[in-house]
Amino acid sequence: MDDQLQSQSITQIQTVTAMVKVYKTDVVESSQAAQVKDELLREFPGSTISFDLEDCDNVLRIEGNAINGDKVRSLVSSQGFSCKVLP
């Protein structure tokens, strides 16, 4: 298999395995969001993590490979915030 084809195959596999998890939180300040985000990135390096603090649910969105929902909720709770999966 040539390098270009192999690279395309790997990209396709990574795209298929990426997952998105969305949570309702009680994080309200951007400084709090940054603190929680840093903690989550230590556990889930390479993930894309963002907060929408203007949404009524103060949404936390995590995109990455093998995101463990229980671990996310535990880490957010350890920072003093609630975290509930949104459907």
C-alpha atoms as a PDB file:
ATOM      1  CA  MET A   1       0.000   0.000   0.000  1.00  0.00           C
ATOM      2  CA  ASP A   2       1.514   3.344  -0.932  1.00  0.00           C
ATOM      3  CA  ASP A   3       1.960   6.055   1.728  1.00  0.00           C
ATOM      4  CA  GLN A   4      -0.800   8.331   0.423  1.00  0.00           C
ATOM      5  CA  LEU A   5      -3.393   5.539   0.359  1.00  0.00           C
ATOM      6  CA  GLN A   6      -2.337   4.338   3.807  1.00  0.00           C
ATOM      7  CA  SER A   7      -2.626   7.905   5.171  1.00  0.00           C
ATOM      8  CA  GLN A   8      -6.134   8.234   3.708  1.00  0.00           C
ATOM      9  CA  SER A   9      -7.148   4.915   5.276  1.00  0.00           C
ATOM     10  CA  ILE A  10      -5.882   5.987   8.691  1.00  0.00           C
ATOM     11  CA  THR A  11      -7.754   9.304   8.405  1.00  0.00           C
ATOM     12  CA  GLN A  12     -10.962   7.479   7.536  1.00  0.00           C
ATOM     13  CA  ILE A  13     -10.577   5.166  10.514  1.00  0.00           C
ATOM     14  CA  GLN A  14      -9.934   8.093  12.866  1.00  0.00           C
ATOM     15  CA  THR A  15     -12.974   9.908  11.536  1.00  0.00           C
ATOM     16  CA  VAL A  16     -15.177   6.887  12.132  1.00  0.00           C
ATOM     17  CA  THR A  17     -13.980   6.368  15.709  1.00  0.00           C
ATOM     18  CA  ALA A  18     -14.313  10.018  16.820  1.00  0.00           C
ATOM     19  CA  MET A  19     -17.224  10.639  19.148  1.00  0.00           C
ATOM     20  CA  VAL A  20     -19.008  13.710  20.445  1.00  0.00           C
ATOM     21  CA  LYS A  21     -20.411  14.002  23.954  1.00  0.00           C
ATOM     22  CA  VAL A  22     -22.533  16.949  25.079  1.00  0.00           C
ATOM     23  CA  TYR A  23     -23.279  17.829  28.714  1.00  0.00           C
ATOM     24  CA  LYS A  24     -25.383  20.289  30.687  1.00  0.00           C
ATOM     25  CA  THR A  25     -23.271  21.972  33.382  1.00  0.00           C
ATOM     26  CA  ASP A  26     -23.544  24.709  35.978  1.00  0.00           C
ATOM     27  CA  VAL A  27     -20.260  26.331  34.894  1.00  0.00           C
ATOM     28  CA  VAL A  28     -21.012  30.052  34.430  1.00  0.00           C
ATOM     29  CA  GLU A  29     -17.679  31.886  34.302  1.00  0.00           C
ATOM     30  CA  SER A  30     -15.161  31.646  31.475  1.00  0.00           C
ATOM     31  CA  SER A  31     -12.367  31.225  34.043  1.00  0.00           C
ATOM     32  CA  GLN A  32     -14.203  28.213  35.493  1.00  0.00           C
ATOM     33  CA  ALA A  33     -14.677  26.773  32.005  1.00  0.00           C
ATOM     34  CA  ALA A  34     -10.955  27.174  31.300  1.00  0.00           C
ATOM     35  CA  GLN A  35     -10.070  25.356  34.538  1.00  0.00           C
ATOM     36  CA  VAL A  36     -12.426  22.457  33.768  1.00  0.00           C
ATOM     37  CA  LYS A  37     -11.234  22.312  30.164  1.00  0.00           C
ATOM     38  CA  ASP A  38      -7.587  22.068  31.265  1.00  0.00           C
ATOM     39  CA  GLU A  39      -8.439  19.195  33.609  1.00  0.00           C
ATOM     40  CA  LEU A  40     -10.375  17.355  30.888  1.00  0.00           C
ATOM     41  CA  LEU A  41      -7.562  17.832  28.367  1.00  0.00           C
ATOM     42  CA  ARG A  42      -5.126  16.185  30.793  1.00  0.00           C
ATOM     43  CA  GLU A  43      -7.393  13.120  30.820  1.00  0.00           C
ATOM     44  CA  PHE A  44      -8.407  13.253  27.143  1.00  0.00           C
ATOM     45  CA  PRO A  45      -5.408  14.720  25.259  1.00  0.00           C
ATOM     46  CA  GLY A  46      -6.035  15.540  21.625  1.00  0.00           C
ATOM     47  CA  SER A  47      -9.753  16.057  22.219  1.00  0.00           C
ATOM     48  CA  THR A  48     -11.605  19.193  21.206  1.00  0.00           C
ATOM     49  CA  ILE A  49     -13.342  20.640  24.255  1.00  0.00           C
ATOM     50  CA  SER A  50     -15.526  23.724  24.388  1.00  0.00           C
ATOM     51  CA  PHE A  51     -18.158  25.424  26.537  1.00  0.00           C
ATOM     52  CA  ASP A  52     -21.140  27.442  25.359  1.00  0.00           C
ATOM     53  CA  LEU A  53     -21.825  29.589  28.413  1.00  0.00           C
ATOM     54  CA  GLU A  54     -24.451  31.625  26.565  1.00  0.00           C
ATOM     55  CA  ASP A  55     -26.644  28.526  26.153  1.00  0.00           C
ATOM     56  CA  CYS A  56     -29.225  28.029  28.934  1.00  0.00           C
ATOM     57  CA  ASP A  57     -27.608  24.632  29.700  1.00  0.00           C
ATOM     58  CA  ASN A  58     -24.024  25.992  29.876  1.00  0.00           C
ATOM     59  CA  VAL A  59     -23.076  23.271  27.419  1.00  0.00           C
ATOM     60  CA  LEU A  60     -19.818  21.346  27.575  1.00  0.00           C
ATOM     61  CA  ARG A  61     -18.966  19.651  24.280  1.00  0.00           C
ATOM     62  CA  ILE A  62     -16.173  17.080  23.936  1.00  0.00           C
ATOM     63  CA  GLU A  63     -15.088  15.563  20.648  1.00  0.00           C
ATOM     64  CA  GLY A  64     -12.450  12.866  20.560  1.00  0.00           C
ATOM     65  CA  ASN A  65     -11.664   9.180  20.628  1.00  0.00           C
ATOM     66  CA  ALA A  66     -12.825   6.947  23.474  1.00  0.00           C
ATOM     67  CA  ILE A  67     -14.448   9.613  25.643  1.00  0.00           C
ATOM     68  CA  ASN A  68     -15.479   7.972  28.915  1.00  0.00           C
ATOM     69  CA  GLY A  69     -18.672   9.683  30.099  1.00  0.00           C
ATOM     70  CA  ASP A  70     -18.279   8.504  33.697  1.00  0.00           C
ATOM     71  CA  LYS A  71     -14.763   9.942  33.817  1.00  0.00           C
ATOM     72  CA  VAL A  72     -15.976  13.261  32.342  1.00  0.00           C
ATOM     73  CA  ARG A  73     -18.696  13.575  34.981  1.00  0.00           C
ATOM     74  CA  SER A  74     -16.252  12.613  37.732  1.00  0.00           C
ATOM     75  CA  LEU A  75     -13.645  15.165  36.641  1.00  0.00           C
ATOM     76  CA  VAL A  76     -16.197  17.968  36.297  1.00  0.00           C
ATOM     77  CA  SER A  77     -17.680  17.058  39.711  1.00  0.00           C
ATOM     78  CA  SER A  78     -14.205  17.072  41.278  1.00  0.00           C
ATOM     79  CA  GLN A  79     -13.937  20.709  40.172  1.00  0.00           C
ATOM     80  CA  GLY A  80     -17.170  21.489  42.051  1.00  0.00           C
ATOM     81  CA  PHE A  81     -19.608  21.532  39.133  1.00  0.00           C
ATOM     82  CA  SER A  82     -22.534  19.421  38.020  1.00  0.00           C
ATOM     83  CA  CYS A  83     -22.469  17.642  34.695  1.00  0.00           C
ATOM     84  CA  LYS A  84     -25.338  15.770  33.024  1.00  0.00           C
ATOM     85  CA  VAL A  85     -25.385  14.116  29.580  1.00  0.00           C
ATOM     86  CA  LEU A  86     -27.645  15.836  27.061  1.00  0.00           C
ATOM     87  CA  PRO A  87     -29.439  13.562  24.590  1.00  0.00           C
END
